Amino acid sequence: MRSKNVRFLLNLLIVLVVISVALAGYVNWQKNHFSCEAQITLVTDRGTEDLIMHFHFSGDTGSYESKGKYTTRSGNEISTSNKIDFNFWREGDSLMMISNETNAIPKTAGSVYPYTPDFFYSRERGIRWTLTRENATGYLFSYDDTPTFYCSITR
């Protein structure tokens, strides 16, 4: 009877260890395999650009796609879009992203283009975000210790 209890406890311990290791592996896997969406408005003295941004991270590669509308102060509206493929890696809480392929962003007179990091319009340019998991549904992306946008996880 006693050996059955010891065997049962050993089997239970092994099952708990396997479950713990699997759960830790899954949590780590999620850090580099997720998609999220953010909505932002960029404001300049000449107009505003409303954007919906999609990020997809898969291992060490990812993609970014945005669609938006630039509105000049006079009320003219211009549709905008951008797509970028990139490589990425983590350094602690930092997420390093290097652009591979980019679309040329139209250099609309008065647009937010001059204020956009070159990662978004030039090949082989990098950007470092600090990623903070805010809750179960999203990440806070910060740039240079400044919160930039909240990105809601999409499935």
N, C-alpha and C. Protein backbone atom coordinates (compact mmCIF):
# COMPACT_ATOMS: atom_id res chain seq x y z
N MET A 1 0.82 -1.19 0.00
CA MET A 1 0.00 0.00 0.00
C MET A 1 0.87 1.26 0.00
N ARG A 2 1.90 1.25 0.83
CA ARG A 2 2.77 2.42 0.93
C ARG A 2 3.51 2.67 -0.39
N SER A 3 3.96 1.61 -1.06
CA SER A 3 4.68 1.79 -2.33
C SER A 3 3.75 2.34 -3.42
N LYS A 4 2.46 2.01 -3.35
CA LYS A 4 1.50 2.57 -4.32
C LYS A 4 1.35 4.07 -4.09
N ASN A 5 1.32 4.49 -2.86
CA ASN A 5 1.22 5.93 -2.55
C ASN A 5 2.46 6.68 -3.01
N VAL A 6 3.64 6.09 -2.76
CA VAL A 6 4.89 6.72 -3.20
C VAL A 6 4.92 6.80 -4.72
N ARG A 7 4.54 5.72 -5.40
CA ARG A 7 4.51 5.72 -6.87
C ARG A 7 3.53 6.76 -7.40
N PHE A 8 2.35 6.84 -6.76
CA PHE A 8 1.36 7.83 -7.17
C PHE A 8 1.90 9.25 -7.00
N LEU A 9 2.53 9.53 -5.86
CA LEU A 9 3.09 10.86 -5.61
C LEU A 9 4.21 11.19 -6.59
N LEU A 10 5.05 10.22 -6.92
CA LEU A 10 6.12 10.44 -7.91
C LEU A 10 5.53 10.73 -9.29
N ASN A 11 4.53 9.96 -9.68
CA ASN A 11 3.87 10.21 -10.97
C ASN A 11 3.21 11.57 -10.99
N LEU A 12 2.57 11.94 -9.88
CA LEU A 12 1.94 13.25 -9.79
C LEU A 12 2.98 14.36 -9.90
N LEU A 13 4.11 14.18 -9.22
CA LEU A 13 5.19 15.16 -9.29
C LEU A 13 5.71 15.29 -10.72
N ILE A 14 5.90 14.18 -11.40
CA ILE A 14 6.39 14.22 -12.79
C ILE A 14 5.38 14.93 -13.69
N VAL A 15 4.11 14.66 -13.52
CA VAL A 15 3.07 15.32 -14.32
C VAL A 15 3.08 16.82 -14.05
N LEU A 16 3.20 17.22 -12.80
CA LEU A 16 3.22 18.65 -12.46
C LEU A 16 4.44 19.34 -13.04
N VAL A 17 5.59 18.68 -13.03
CA VAL A 17 6.81 19.26 -13.62
C VAL A 17 6.63 19.41 -15.12
N VAL A 18 6.11 18.40 -15.79
CA VAL A 18 5.90 18.47 -17.24
C VAL A 18 4.92 19.60 -17.58
N ILE A 19 3.85 19.71 -16.83
CA ILE A 19 2.88 20.79 -17.08
C ILE A 19 3.52 22.15 -16.86
N SER A 20 4.32 22.30 -15.80
CA SER A 20 4.99 23.57 -15.52
C SER A 20 5.96 23.96 -16.63
N VAL A 21 6.74 22.99 -17.09
CA VAL A 21 7.70 23.25 -18.17
C VAL A 21 6.95 23.62 -19.46
N ALA A 22 5.88 22.90 -19.76
CA ALA A 22 5.10 23.19 -20.96
C ALA A 22 4.47 24.58 -20.88
N LEU A 23 3.95 24.94 -19.73
CA LEU A 23 3.33 26.26 -19.55
C LEU A 23 4.37 27.37 -19.68
N ALA A 24 5.55 27.17 -19.07
CA ALA A 24 6.62 28.17 -19.18
C ALA A 24 7.07 28.31 -20.64
N GLY A 25 7.17 27.20 -21.35
CA GLY A 25 7.54 27.25 -22.77
C GLY A 25 6.51 27.99 -23.59
N TYR A 26 5.23 27.76 -23.31
CA TYR A 26 4.17 28.44 -24.04
C TYR A 26 4.18 29.94 -23.77
N VAL A 27 4.37 30.33 -22.52
CA VAL A 27 4.44 31.76 -22.18
C VAL A 27 5.61 32.41 -22.90
N ASN A 28 6.76 31.74 -22.93
CA ASN A 28 7.92 32.27 -23.64
C ASN A 28 7.67 32.34 -25.14
N TRP A 29 7.02 31.32 -25.69
CA TRP A 29 6.69 31.29 -27.12
C TRP A 29 5.80 32.47 -27.48
N GLN A 30 4.84 32.81 -26.61
CA GLN A 30 3.92 33.91 -26.88
C GLN A 30 4.63 35.26 -26.99
N LYS A 31 5.78 35.41 -26.36
CA LYS A 31 6.51 36.68 -26.42
C LYS A 31 6.96 37.01 -27.84
N ASN A 32 7.16 35.99 -28.67
CA ASN A 32 7.65 36.20 -30.03
C ASN A 32 6.66 35.75 -31.09
N HIS A 33 5.46 35.40 -30.70
CA HIS A 33 4.43 34.94 -31.63
C HIS A 33 3.09 35.57 -31.24
N PHE A 34 2.81 36.74 -31.76
CA PHE A 34 1.53 37.38 -31.48
C PHE A 34 1.23 38.42 -32.56
N SER A 35 -0.01 38.82 -32.62
CA SER A 35 -0.46 39.88 -33.51
C SER A 35 -1.22 40.89 -32.67
N CYS A 36 -1.14 42.14 -33.08
CA CYS A 36 -1.88 43.16 -32.35
C CYS A 36 -2.25 44.31 -33.28
N GLU A 37 -3.20 45.11 -32.82
CA GLU A 37 -3.72 46.23 -33.61
C GLU A 37 -3.78 47.48 -32.73
N ALA A 38 -3.41 48.60 -33.32
CA ALA A 38 -3.44 49.87 -32.61
C ALA A 38 -4.08 50.94 -33.49
N GLN A 39 -4.71 51.88 -32.86
CA GLN A 39 -5.27 53.04 -33.56
C GLN A 39 -4.62 54.28 -32.97
N ILE A 40 -4.06 55.12 -33.82
CA ILE A 40 -3.44 56.34 -33.34
C ILE A 40 -3.82 57.51 -34.24
N THR A 41 -3.67 58.69 -33.70
CA THR A 41 -3.84 59.93 -34.45
C THR A 41 -2.58 60.75 -34.27
N LEU A 42 -1.94 61.08 -35.38
CA LEU A 42 -0.76 61.93 -35.38
C LEU A 42 -1.18 63.33 -35.75
N VAL A 43 -0.78 64.30 -34.96
CA VAL A 43 -1.23 65.68 -35.15
C VAL A 43 -0.02 66.57 -35.39
N THR A 44 -0.10 67.38 -36.44
CA THR A 44 0.92 68.41 -36.69
C THR A 44 0.20 69.74 -36.87
N ASP A 45 0.97 70.78 -37.07
CA ASP A 45 0.36 72.09 -37.28
C ASP A 45 -0.31 72.20 -38.65
N ARG A 46 -0.08 71.22 -39.54
CA ARG A 46 -0.65 71.26 -40.89
C ARG A 46 -1.80 70.29 -41.11
N GLY A 47 -2.01 69.37 -40.16
CA GLY A 47 -3.08 68.41 -40.34
C GLY A 47 -2.96 67.24 -39.38
N THR A 48 -3.81 66.25 -39.59
CA THR A 48 -3.80 65.05 -38.74
C THR A 48 -3.82 63.80 -39.61
N GLU A 49 -3.26 62.73 -39.07
CA GLU A 49 -3.33 61.44 -39.75
C GLU A 49 -3.87 60.42 -38.76
N ASP A 50 -5.00 59.83 -39.12
CA ASP A 50 -5.61 58.75 -38.33
C ASP A 50 -5.17 57.44 -38.93
N LEU A 51 -4.60 56.56 -38.10
CA LEU A 51 -4.04 55.30 -38.58
C LEU A 51 -4.59 54.12 -37.80
N ILE A 52 -4.78 53.02 -38.50
CA ILE A 52 -4.97 51.72 -37.88
C ILE A 52 -3.76 50.90 -38.28
N MET A 53 -3.03 50.42 -37.26
CA MET A 53 -1.78 49.70 -37.50
C MET A 53 -1.95 48.25 -37.06
N HIS A 54 -1.44 47.32 -37.87
CA HIS A 54 -1.45 45.89 -37.55
C HIS A 54 -0.01 45.41 -37.49
N PHE A 55 0.35 44.76 -36.39
CA PHE A 55 1.66 44.14 -36.25
C PHE A 55 1.46 42.64 -36.13
N HIS A 56 2.33 41.88 -36.79
CA HIS A 56 2.32 40.42 -36.68
C HIS A 56 3.75 39.97 -36.40
N PHE A 57 3.96 39.27 -35.28
CA PHE A 57 5.27 38.78 -34.88
C PHE A 57 5.26 37.26 -34.91
N SER A 58 6.24 36.67 -35.59
CA SER A 58 6.28 35.21 -35.73
C SER A 58 7.72 34.73 -35.63
N GLY A 59 8.15 34.41 -34.43
CA GLY A 59 9.51 33.91 -34.23
C GLY A 59 10.52 35.04 -34.23
N ASP A 60 11.18 35.26 -35.36
CA ASP A 60 12.14 36.35 -35.48
C ASP A 60 11.84 37.25 -36.68
N THR A 61 10.70 37.04 -37.32
CA THR A 61 10.28 37.90 -38.42
C THR A 61 8.89 38.45 -38.12
N GLY A 62 8.55 39.51 -38.80
CA GLY A 62 7.24 40.10 -38.58
C GLY A 62 6.82 40.97 -39.73
N SER A 63 5.63 41.52 -39.60
CA SER A 63 5.12 42.43 -40.62
C SER A 63 4.31 43.53 -39.93
N TYR A 64 4.26 44.64 -40.60
CA TYR A 64 3.51 45.81 -40.14
C TYR A 64 2.69 46.27 -41.33
N GLU A 65 1.45 46.60 -41.08
CA GLU A 65 0.60 47.14 -42.13
C GLU A 65 -0.26 48.22 -41.52
N SER A 66 -0.36 49.34 -42.23
CA SER A 66 -1.21 50.43 -41.72
C SER A 66 -2.08 50.97 -42.85
N LYS A 67 -3.22 51.44 -42.46
CA LYS A 67 -4.12 52.15 -43.36
C LYS A 67 -4.62 53.36 -42.59
N GLY A 68 -4.76 54.44 -43.30
CA GLY A 68 -5.18 55.64 -42.61
C GLY A 68 -5.68 56.72 -43.54
N LYS A 69 -5.87 57.87 -42.93
CA LYS A 69 -6.37 59.03 -43.68
C LYS A 69 -5.67 60.26 -43.13
N TYR A 70 -5.01 60.98 -44.03
CA TYR A 70 -4.37 62.25 -43.67
C TYR A 70 -5.33 63.37 -44.04
N THR A 71 -5.63 64.22 -43.07
CA THR A 71 -6.54 65.34 -43.30
C THR A 71 -5.77 66.64 -43.09
N THR A 72 -5.73 67.46 -44.13
CA THR A 72 -5.03 68.74 -44.02
C THR A 72 -5.88 69.71 -43.22
N ARG A 73 -5.28 70.81 -42.78
CA ARG A 73 -6.04 71.83 -42.04
C ARG A 73 -7.18 72.38 -42.86
N SER A 74 -7.02 72.40 -44.17
CA SER A 74 -8.08 72.93 -45.03
C SER A 74 -9.18 71.90 -45.28
N GLY A 75 -9.00 70.65 -44.79
CA GLY A 75 -10.05 69.65 -44.91
C GLY A 75 -9.86 68.63 -46.01
N ASN A 76 -8.80 68.76 -46.82
CA ASN A 76 -8.54 67.77 -47.86
C ASN A 76 -8.14 66.44 -47.21
N GLU A 77 -8.66 65.34 -47.74
CA GLU A 77 -8.36 64.02 -47.20
C GLU A 77 -7.56 63.20 -48.20
N ILE A 78 -6.52 62.54 -47.70
CA ILE A 78 -5.67 61.69 -48.53
C ILE A 78 -5.56 60.34 -47.84
N SER A 79 -5.89 59.26 -48.56
CA SER A 79 -5.75 57.92 -48.00
C SER A 79 -4.27 57.56 -47.93
N THR A 80 -3.89 56.89 -46.86
CA THR A 80 -2.50 56.46 -46.69
C THR A 80 -2.47 54.97 -46.36
N SER A 81 -1.36 54.34 -46.69
CA SER A 81 -1.15 52.94 -46.33
C SER A 81 0.34 52.66 -46.36
N ASN A 82 0.73 51.62 -45.63
CA ASN A 82 2.13 51.24 -45.61
C ASN A 82 2.22 49.78 -45.21
N LYS A 83 3.20 49.08 -45.75
CA LYS A 83 3.44 47.68 -45.39
C LYS A 83 4.93 47.48 -45.27
N ILE A 84 5.35 46.83 -44.19
CA ILE A 84 6.77 46.60 -43.92
C ILE A 84 6.94 45.16 -43.44
N ASP A 85 7.95 44.49 -43.98
CA ASP A 85 8.40 43.22 -43.43
C ASP A 85 9.66 43.52 -42.63
N PHE A 86 9.83 42.86 -41.50
CA PHE A 86 10.98 43.17 -40.65
C PHE A 86 11.47 41.93 -39.91
N ASN A 87 12.70 42.02 -39.44
CA ASN A 87 13.27 41.04 -38.51
C ASN A 87 13.22 41.69 -37.13
N PHE A 88 13.11 40.86 -36.10
CA PHE A 88 13.10 41.41 -34.76
C PHE A 88 13.72 40.44 -33.77
N TRP A 89 14.12 40.99 -32.65
CA TRP A 89 14.60 40.19 -31.53
C TRP A 89 14.36 41.00 -30.26
N ARG A 90 14.44 40.32 -29.15
CA ARG A 90 14.23 40.96 -27.85
C ARG A 90 15.55 41.11 -27.12
N GLU A 91 15.68 42.21 -26.42
CA GLU A 91 16.78 42.44 -25.49
C GLU A 91 16.12 42.90 -24.19
N GLY A 92 15.85 41.96 -23.30
CA GLY A 92 15.12 42.29 -22.08
C GLY A 92 13.70 42.70 -22.43
N ASP A 93 13.29 43.89 -21.97
CA ASP A 93 11.96 44.41 -22.30
C ASP A 93 11.93 45.13 -23.64
N SER A 94 13.10 45.27 -24.26
CA SER A 94 13.17 45.99 -25.54
C SER A 94 12.90 45.06 -26.71
N LEU A 95 12.28 45.60 -27.71
CA LEU A 95 12.01 44.89 -28.96
C LEU A 95 12.73 45.63 -30.06
N MET A 96 13.73 44.99 -30.66
CA MET A 96 14.50 45.59 -31.74
C MET A 96 13.90 45.14 -33.06
N MET A 97 13.58 46.09 -33.94
CA MET A 97 12.99 45.78 -35.24
C MET A 97 13.82 46.42 -36.33
N ILE A 98 14.17 45.62 -37.36
CA ILE A 98 14.93 46.11 -38.51
C ILE A 98 14.10 45.86 -39.76
N SER A 99 13.82 46.92 -40.52
CA SER A 99 12.96 46.79 -41.70
C SER A 99 13.69 46.07 -42.83
N ASN A 100 12.97 45.20 -43.53
CA ASN A 100 13.50 44.49 -44.69
C ASN A 100 12.99 45.11 -45.97
N GLU A 101 11.71 45.07 -46.14
CA GLU A 101 11.06 45.62 -47.33
C GLU A 101 10.05 46.66 -46.87
N THR A 102 10.01 47.76 -47.56
CA THR A 102 9.07 48.82 -47.20
C THR A 102 8.40 49.36 -48.45
N ASN A 103 7.26 49.96 -48.27
CA ASN A 103 6.62 50.73 -49.33
C ASN A 103 7.11 52.16 -49.18
N ALA A 104 7.20 52.84 -50.27
CA ALA A 104 7.54 54.25 -50.19
C ALA A 104 6.33 55.02 -49.65
N ILE A 105 6.54 55.78 -48.61
CA ILE A 105 5.46 56.61 -48.08
C ILE A 105 5.38 57.86 -48.95
N PRO A 106 4.19 58.19 -49.45
CA PRO A 106 4.09 59.41 -50.24
C PRO A 106 4.46 60.62 -49.40
N LYS A 107 5.32 61.43 -49.94
CA LYS A 107 5.78 62.62 -49.22
C LYS A 107 4.83 63.78 -49.51
N THR A 108 3.62 63.66 -48.96
CA THR A 108 2.59 64.67 -49.16
C THR A 108 3.01 65.96 -48.48
N ALA A 109 2.84 67.04 -49.16
CA ALA A 109 3.18 68.34 -48.58
C ALA A 109 2.42 68.53 -47.28
N GLY A 110 3.17 68.78 -46.21
CA GLY A 110 2.53 69.03 -44.93
C GLY A 110 2.17 67.78 -44.16
N SER A 111 2.47 66.61 -44.67
CA SER A 111 2.08 65.38 -43.98
C SER A 111 2.93 65.18 -42.73
N VAL A 112 2.68 64.06 -42.03
CA VAL A 112 3.46 63.74 -40.84
C VAL A 112 4.76 63.03 -41.20
N TYR A 113 5.03 62.88 -42.47
CA TYR A 113 6.23 62.17 -42.94
C TYR A 113 7.52 62.65 -42.26
N PRO A 114 7.75 63.96 -42.12
CA PRO A 114 9.02 64.38 -41.50
C PRO A 114 9.16 63.93 -40.04
N TYR A 115 8.07 63.58 -39.39
CA TYR A 115 8.09 63.20 -37.98
C TYR A 115 8.06 61.68 -37.78
N THR A 116 8.07 60.93 -38.87
CA THR A 116 7.95 59.48 -38.82
C THR A 116 9.35 58.85 -38.75
N PRO A 117 9.59 57.92 -37.80
CA PRO A 117 10.90 57.26 -37.75
C PRO A 117 11.22 56.57 -39.08
N ASP A 118 12.48 56.60 -39.48
CA ASP A 118 12.87 56.06 -40.79
C ASP A 118 12.64 54.55 -40.93
N PHE A 119 12.44 53.83 -39.84
CA PHE A 119 12.08 52.41 -39.91
C PHE A 119 10.85 52.22 -40.80
N PHE A 120 9.93 53.17 -40.77
CA PHE A 120 8.66 53.03 -41.47
C PHE A 120 8.74 53.37 -42.96
N TYR A 121 9.86 53.87 -43.44
CA TYR A 121 9.93 54.19 -44.86
C TYR A 121 11.26 53.88 -45.53
N SER A 122 12.24 53.36 -44.80
CA SER A 122 13.52 53.01 -45.40
C SER A 122 13.90 51.58 -45.06
N ARG A 123 14.51 50.92 -46.02
CA ARG A 123 14.96 49.54 -45.82
C ARG A 123 16.18 49.51 -44.91
N GLU A 124 16.27 48.43 -44.10
CA GLU A 124 17.40 48.19 -43.21
C GLU A 124 17.61 49.31 -42.19
N ARG A 125 16.52 49.84 -41.71
CA ARG A 125 16.56 50.83 -40.64
C ARG A 125 15.89 50.22 -39.41
N GLY A 126 16.34 50.60 -38.25
CA GLY A 126 15.85 49.97 -37.04
C GLY A 126 15.10 50.91 -36.12
N ILE A 127 14.37 50.29 -35.22
CA ILE A 127 13.69 51.02 -34.17
C ILE A 127 13.66 50.12 -32.94
N ARG A 128 13.78 50.74 -31.77
CA ARG A 128 13.75 50.00 -30.51
C ARG A 128 12.53 50.46 -29.72
N TRP A 129 11.64 49.51 -29.48
CA TRP A 129 10.47 49.76 -28.65
C TRP A 129 10.69 49.10 -27.29
N THR A 130 10.14 49.68 -26.26
CA THR A 130 10.02 48.98 -24.99
C THR A 130 8.61 48.43 -24.95
N LEU A 131 8.51 47.13 -24.76
CA LEU A 131 7.20 46.47 -24.75
C LEU A 131 6.84 46.12 -23.32
N THR A 132 5.66 46.56 -22.90
CA THR A 132 5.15 46.25 -21.57
C THR A 132 3.82 45.55 -21.72
N ARG A 133 3.73 44.35 -21.20
CA ARG A 133 2.46 43.63 -21.23
C ARG A 133 1.56 44.29 -20.19
N GLU A 134 0.57 45.03 -20.66
CA GLU A 134 -0.30 45.78 -19.76
C GLU A 134 -1.32 44.89 -19.07
N ASN A 135 -1.85 43.95 -19.82
CA ASN A 135 -2.87 43.04 -19.31
C ASN A 135 -2.97 41.86 -20.28
N ALA A 136 -3.99 41.04 -20.11
CA ALA A 136 -4.12 39.85 -20.96
C ALA A 136 -4.48 40.20 -22.40
N THR A 137 -4.86 41.46 -22.65
CA THR A 137 -5.34 41.80 -23.99
C THR A 137 -4.43 42.73 -24.78
N GLY A 138 -3.28 43.13 -24.24
CA GLY A 138 -2.46 44.00 -25.05
C GLY A 138 -1.14 44.43 -24.46
N TYR A 139 -0.36 45.12 -25.30
CA TYR A 139 0.96 45.62 -24.98
C TYR A 139 0.99 47.14 -25.11
N LEU A 140 1.79 47.76 -24.27
CA LEU A 140 2.08 49.18 -24.41
C LEU A 140 3.43 49.29 -25.10
N PHE A 141 3.46 49.95 -26.25
CA PHE A 141 4.70 50.21 -26.97
C PHE A 141 5.20 51.59 -26.54
N SER A 142 6.43 51.65 -26.06
CA SER A 142 7.02 52.93 -25.66
C SER A 142 8.27 53.16 -26.49
N TYR A 143 8.51 54.42 -26.79
CA TYR A 143 9.69 54.82 -27.56
C TYR A 143 10.44 55.85 -26.73
N ASP A 144 11.70 55.58 -26.45
CA ASP A 144 12.53 56.50 -25.68
C ASP A 144 11.86 56.86 -24.34
N ASP A 145 11.37 55.84 -23.65
CA ASP A 145 10.70 55.95 -22.35
C ASP A 145 9.40 56.76 -22.39
N THR A 146 8.83 56.93 -23.58
CA THR A 146 7.56 57.64 -23.71
C THR A 146 6.51 56.68 -24.26
N PRO A 147 5.41 56.46 -23.52
CA PRO A 147 4.36 55.60 -24.07
C PRO A 147 3.88 56.15 -25.41
N THR A 148 3.85 55.27 -26.42
CA THR A 148 3.51 55.71 -27.77
C THR A 148 2.13 55.25 -28.18
N PHE A 149 1.83 53.96 -27.99
CA PHE A 149 0.50 53.46 -28.32
C PHE A 149 0.25 52.13 -27.61
N TYR A 150 -1.02 51.82 -27.45
CA TYR A 150 -1.44 50.55 -26.88
C TYR A 150 -1.86 49.65 -28.03
N CYS A 151 -1.37 48.44 -28.05
CA CYS A 151 -1.63 47.52 -29.15
C CYS A 151 -2.44 46.33 -28.60
N SER A 152 -3.70 46.23 -29.04
CA SER A 152 -4.59 45.16 -28.58
C SER A 152 -4.28 43.87 -29.32
N ILE A 153 -4.13 42.79 -28.56
CA ILE A 153 -3.82 41.49 -29.15
C ILE A 153 -5.00 41.02 -29.99
N THR A 154 -4.68 40.56 -31.19
CA THR A 154 -5.69 39.97 -32.08
C THR A 154 -5.35 38.51 -32.24
N ARG A 155 -6.32 37.69 -32.44
CA ARG A 155 -6.09 36.24 -32.54
C ARG A 155 -6.14 35.80 -33.97
